[in-house]
Amino acid sequence: MDAKYDVRLVTSIGTKGGKIFLLKNGKGVSGTFFVMNEENKFTGFETYDGLLEIDGVIKTKYKTVNYHAKGKADNEKIALSIKTKTDRYTLYGIREEE
């Protein structure tokens, strides 16, 4: 499944809009997360029960943050819980039409 999602990243300093391009290849996942005018690559896998586990980096103008995310993505929506060394964020969004 290749999908593009219009997403919102909820942080302690506000909600940021962005896009996620998600590629699934068997149980492997990868993609690109565009947020705060930066392109951020990620990789991960899908568990036997359909949960995504993703590792990546969020770059901003001021810093770079490593994260681990867990959640779900399907043909309609995406929802991830993102954990960094110091913070937790929520990401949610809907799939864009082809």
N, C-alpha and C. Protein backbone atom coordinates (compact mmCIF):
# COMPACT_ATOMS: atom_id res chain seq x y z
N MET A 1 0.84 -1.18 0.00
CA MET A 1 0.00 0.00 0.00
C MET A 1 0.88 1.24 0.00
N ASP A 2 0.63 2.12 -0.91
CA ASP A 2 1.25 3.43 -0.93
C ASP A 2 0.15 4.44 -0.63
N ALA A 3 0.38 5.32 0.34
CA ALA A 3 -0.67 6.25 0.73
C ALA A 3 -0.07 7.60 1.10
N LYS A 4 -0.87 8.65 0.90
CA LYS A 4 -0.50 10.00 1.30
C LYS A 4 -1.58 10.50 2.26
N TYR A 5 -1.12 11.00 3.41
CA TYR A 5 -2.04 11.47 4.45
C TYR A 5 -1.80 12.95 4.75
N ASP A 6 -2.87 13.68 4.95
CA ASP A 6 -2.82 15.05 5.46
C ASP A 6 -2.90 14.92 6.98
N VAL A 7 -1.85 15.36 7.70
CA VAL A 7 -1.76 15.07 9.13
C VAL A 7 -1.60 16.32 9.98
N ARG A 8 -1.85 16.14 11.28
CA ARG A 8 -1.62 17.15 12.31
C ARG A 8 -0.74 16.52 13.38
N LEU A 9 0.32 17.23 13.75
CA LEU A 9 1.22 16.81 14.81
C LEU A 9 0.94 17.70 16.01
N VAL A 10 0.44 17.10 17.08
CA VAL A 10 0.08 17.85 18.29
C VAL A 10 1.29 17.83 19.22
N THR A 11 1.85 19.03 19.49
CA THR A 11 3.02 19.17 20.35
C THR A 11 2.70 20.11 21.51
N SER A 12 3.62 20.23 22.43
CA SER A 12 3.43 21.13 23.57
C SER A 12 3.42 22.60 23.16
N ILE A 13 3.94 22.92 21.98
CA ILE A 13 3.96 24.31 21.52
C ILE A 13 2.91 24.57 20.43
N GLY A 14 2.00 23.63 20.25
CA GLY A 14 0.92 23.83 19.29
C GLY A 14 0.82 22.69 18.29
N THR A 15 -0.18 22.79 17.44
CA THR A 15 -0.43 21.78 16.42
C THR A 15 0.17 22.24 15.10
N LYS A 16 0.92 21.35 14.48
CA LYS A 16 1.59 21.64 13.22
C LYS A 16 1.00 20.77 12.12
N GLY A 17 0.70 21.35 10.98
CA GLY A 17 0.20 20.60 9.83
C GLY A 17 1.33 19.97 9.05
N GLY A 18 1.02 18.90 8.33
CA GLY A 18 2.03 18.25 7.52
C GLY A 18 1.46 17.18 6.62
N LYS A 19 2.33 16.41 6.02
CA LYS A 19 1.97 15.31 5.12
C LYS A 19 2.84 14.11 5.45
N ILE A 20 2.26 12.94 5.27
CA ILE A 20 3.02 11.69 5.38
C ILE A 20 2.78 10.89 4.11
N PHE A 21 3.89 10.43 3.51
CA PHE A 21 3.85 9.48 2.42
C PHE A 21 4.29 8.15 3.02
N LEU A 22 3.42 7.16 3.01
CA LEU A 22 3.67 5.88 3.65
C LEU A 22 3.72 4.78 2.60
N LEU A 23 4.79 3.99 2.65
CA LEU A 23 4.95 2.86 1.74
C LEU A 23 5.00 1.59 2.57
N LYS A 24 4.16 0.61 2.23
CA LYS A 24 4.20 -0.69 2.88
C LYS A 24 4.67 -1.70 1.86
N ASN A 25 5.65 -2.51 2.27
CA ASN A 25 6.20 -3.55 1.42
C ASN A 25 6.25 -4.82 2.27
N GLY A 26 5.23 -5.65 2.16
CA GLY A 26 5.11 -6.79 3.07
C GLY A 26 4.88 -6.25 4.47
N LYS A 27 5.72 -6.65 5.41
CA LYS A 27 5.60 -6.15 6.79
C LYS A 27 6.50 -4.93 7.03
N GLY A 28 7.31 -4.56 6.05
CA GLY A 28 8.17 -3.38 6.19
C GLY A 28 7.42 -2.11 5.81
N VAL A 29 7.73 -1.01 6.49
CA VAL A 29 7.16 0.29 6.15
C VAL A 29 8.29 1.31 6.08
N SER A 30 8.08 2.31 5.24
CA SER A 30 9.02 3.42 5.14
C SER A 30 8.25 4.60 4.60
N GLY A 31 8.89 5.74 4.60
CA GLY A 31 8.21 6.89 4.05
C GLY A 31 8.87 8.20 4.39
N THR A 32 8.12 9.24 4.13
CA THR A 32 8.58 10.60 4.35
C THR A 32 7.51 11.38 5.10
N PHE A 33 7.94 12.13 6.09
CA PHE A 33 7.07 12.97 6.91
C PHE A 33 7.49 14.41 6.67
N PHE A 34 6.60 15.21 6.09
CA PHE A 34 6.86 16.63 5.86
C PHE A 34 6.16 17.44 6.95
N VAL A 35 6.94 18.14 7.76
CA VAL A 35 6.37 18.99 8.81
C VAL A 35 7.34 20.14 9.07
N MET A 36 6.81 21.32 9.38
CA MET A 36 7.60 22.51 9.67
C MET A 36 8.64 22.79 8.58
N ASN A 37 8.19 22.66 7.33
CA ASN A 37 9.03 22.93 6.16
C ASN A 37 10.26 22.04 6.06
N GLU A 38 10.21 20.86 6.65
CA GLU A 38 11.33 19.92 6.59
C GLU A 38 10.84 18.55 6.12
N GLU A 39 11.71 17.85 5.40
CA GLU A 39 11.44 16.49 4.95
C GLU A 39 12.17 15.53 5.87
N ASN A 40 11.43 14.58 6.45
CA ASN A 40 11.98 13.64 7.43
C ASN A 40 11.67 12.21 7.01
N LYS A 41 12.69 11.40 6.80
CA LYS A 41 12.52 9.99 6.41
C LYS A 41 12.28 9.13 7.65
N PHE A 42 11.56 8.01 7.46
CA PHE A 42 11.36 7.06 8.55
C PHE A 42 11.32 5.64 8.00
N THR A 43 11.55 4.68 8.88
CA THR A 43 11.45 3.26 8.53
C THR A 43 10.81 2.52 9.70
N GLY A 44 10.33 1.34 9.44
CA GLY A 44 9.73 0.55 10.51
C GLY A 44 9.13 -0.73 9.99
N PHE A 45 8.13 -1.22 10.73
CA PHE A 45 7.50 -2.49 10.36
C PHE A 45 6.07 -2.50 10.89
N GLU A 46 5.30 -3.45 10.35
CA GLU A 46 3.93 -3.67 10.79
C GLU A 46 3.92 -4.98 11.58
N THR A 47 3.35 -4.96 12.78
CA THR A 47 3.31 -6.15 13.62
C THR A 47 2.24 -7.12 13.10
N TYR A 48 2.22 -8.31 13.66
CA TYR A 48 1.25 -9.33 13.24
C TYR A 48 -0.20 -8.88 13.44
N ASP A 49 -0.44 -7.98 14.40
CA ASP A 49 -1.81 -7.50 14.64
C ASP A 49 -2.11 -6.16 13.97
N GLY A 50 -1.26 -5.73 13.04
CA GLY A 50 -1.55 -4.55 12.24
C GLY A 50 -1.05 -3.22 12.79
N LEU A 51 -0.32 -3.24 13.91
CA LEU A 51 0.22 -1.99 14.45
C LEU A 51 1.51 -1.62 13.72
N LEU A 52 1.71 -0.33 13.53
CA LEU A 52 2.95 0.16 12.95
C LEU A 52 3.92 0.53 14.06
N GLU A 53 5.18 0.21 13.86
CA GLU A 53 6.27 0.65 14.74
C GLU A 53 7.27 1.34 13.83
N ILE A 54 7.50 2.64 14.09
CA ILE A 54 8.30 3.47 13.19
C ILE A 54 9.38 4.19 13.98
N ASP A 55 10.56 4.28 13.39
CA ASP A 55 11.66 5.08 13.94
C ASP A 55 12.06 6.12 12.91
N GLY A 56 12.31 7.33 13.40
CA GLY A 56 12.71 8.40 12.50
C GLY A 56 13.26 9.59 13.24
N VAL A 57 13.39 10.68 12.50
CA VAL A 57 13.94 11.92 13.02
C VAL A 57 13.02 13.05 12.57
N ILE A 58 12.73 13.97 13.48
CA ILE A 58 12.02 15.20 13.12
C ILE A 58 13.04 16.33 13.19
N LYS A 59 13.28 16.96 12.04
CA LYS A 59 14.18 18.10 11.97
C LYS A 59 13.35 19.38 12.00
N THR A 60 13.80 20.34 12.76
CA THR A 60 13.20 21.67 12.74
C THR A 60 14.31 22.68 12.47
N LYS A 61 13.93 23.90 12.42
CA LYS A 61 14.90 24.97 12.21
C LYS A 61 15.93 25.01 13.33
N TYR A 62 15.53 24.58 14.52
CA TYR A 62 16.37 24.74 15.71
C TYR A 62 17.01 23.47 16.25
N LYS A 63 16.40 22.29 15.94
CA LYS A 63 16.95 21.06 16.51
C LYS A 63 16.50 19.85 15.70
N THR A 64 17.11 18.72 16.01
CA THR A 64 16.76 17.44 15.42
C THR A 64 16.42 16.48 16.56
N VAL A 65 15.29 15.80 16.43
CA VAL A 65 14.80 14.92 17.51
C VAL A 65 14.56 13.52 16.96
N ASN A 66 15.16 12.52 17.57
CA ASN A 66 14.87 11.12 17.24
C ASN A 66 13.57 10.71 17.90
N TYR A 67 12.80 9.83 17.23
CA TYR A 67 11.54 9.38 17.82
C TYR A 67 11.27 7.92 17.49
N HIS A 68 10.38 7.34 18.29
CA HIS A 68 9.80 6.03 18.03
C HIS A 68 8.29 6.22 18.08
N ALA A 69 7.59 5.72 17.08
CA ALA A 69 6.14 5.89 17.02
C ALA A 69 5.44 4.54 16.90
N LYS A 70 4.24 4.48 17.47
CA LYS A 70 3.38 3.30 17.36
C LYS A 70 1.99 3.78 16.98
N GLY A 71 1.30 2.99 16.17
CA GLY A 71 -0.06 3.35 15.80
C GLY A 71 -0.56 2.54 14.64
N LYS A 72 -1.56 3.10 13.96
CA LYS A 72 -2.22 2.40 12.85
C LYS A 72 -2.39 3.34 11.66
N ALA A 73 -2.37 2.74 10.49
CA ALA A 73 -2.68 3.45 9.25
C ALA A 73 -3.47 2.50 8.36
N ASP A 74 -4.52 3.02 7.76
CA ASP A 74 -5.32 2.20 6.85
C ASP A 74 -5.70 3.03 5.63
N ASN A 75 -6.67 2.58 4.89
CA ASN A 75 -7.08 3.27 3.67
C ASN A 75 -7.80 4.59 3.92
N GLU A 76 -8.13 4.89 5.18
CA GLU A 76 -8.86 6.11 5.49
C GLU A 76 -8.10 7.07 6.39
N LYS A 77 -7.35 6.54 7.37
CA LYS A 77 -6.75 7.43 8.37
C LYS A 77 -5.44 6.89 8.92
N ILE A 78 -4.74 7.76 9.65
CA ILE A 78 -3.51 7.39 10.33
C ILE A 78 -3.57 8.00 11.73
N ALA A 79 -3.06 7.27 12.71
CA ALA A 79 -2.98 7.77 14.10
C ALA A 79 -1.74 7.15 14.73
N LEU A 80 -0.83 8.02 15.21
CA LEU A 80 0.42 7.55 15.81
C LEU A 80 0.65 8.24 17.15
N SER A 81 1.21 7.50 18.08
CA SER A 81 1.71 8.05 19.34
C SER A 81 3.22 8.10 19.19
N ILE A 82 3.79 9.29 19.34
CA ILE A 82 5.22 9.50 19.09
C ILE A 82 5.92 9.79 20.41
N LYS A 83 7.01 9.07 20.63
CA LYS A 83 7.78 9.25 21.86
C LYS A 83 9.21 9.65 21.49
N THR A 84 9.69 10.75 22.09
CA THR A 84 11.08 11.16 21.95
C THR A 84 11.76 10.93 23.30
N LYS A 85 13.00 11.31 23.40
CA LYS A 85 13.72 11.14 24.67
C LYS A 85 13.06 11.92 25.80
N THR A 86 12.46 13.07 25.48
CA THR A 86 11.91 13.94 26.51
C THR A 86 10.41 14.23 26.41
N ASP A 87 9.79 13.93 25.26
CA ASP A 87 8.40 14.33 25.04
C ASP A 87 7.58 13.22 24.39
N ARG A 88 6.26 13.44 24.42
CA ARG A 88 5.31 12.58 23.70
C ARG A 88 4.42 13.48 22.85
N TYR A 89 4.14 13.02 21.63
CA TYR A 89 3.30 13.76 20.71
C TYR A 89 2.24 12.83 20.15
N THR A 90 1.20 13.42 19.60
CA THR A 90 0.16 12.68 18.91
C THR A 90 0.12 13.15 17.47
N LEU A 91 -0.03 12.21 16.57
CA LEU A 91 -0.17 12.54 15.15
C LEU A 91 -1.43 11.86 14.65
N TYR A 92 -2.25 12.60 13.91
CA TYR A 92 -3.45 12.02 13.34
C TYR A 92 -3.72 12.67 12.00
N GLY A 93 -4.43 11.97 11.12
CA GLY A 93 -4.75 12.54 9.83
C GLY A 93 -5.61 11.63 9.00
N ILE A 94 -5.98 12.14 7.81
CA ILE A 94 -6.82 11.39 6.90
C ILE A 94 -6.08 11.20 5.57
N ARG A 95 -6.41 10.11 4.90
CA ARG A 95 -5.78 9.81 3.64
C ARG A 95 -6.31 10.74 2.57
N GLU A 96 -5.42 11.23 1.74
CA GLU A 96 -5.81 12.09 0.63
C GLU A 96 -6.29 11.25 -0.54
N GLU A 97 -7.18 11.78 -1.30
CA GLU A 97 -7.69 11.09 -2.48
C GLU A 97 -6.59 11.02 -3.53
N GLU A 98 -6.59 9.95 -4.28
CA GLU A 98 -5.59 9.75 -5.34
C GLU A 98 -5.85 10.70 -6.48
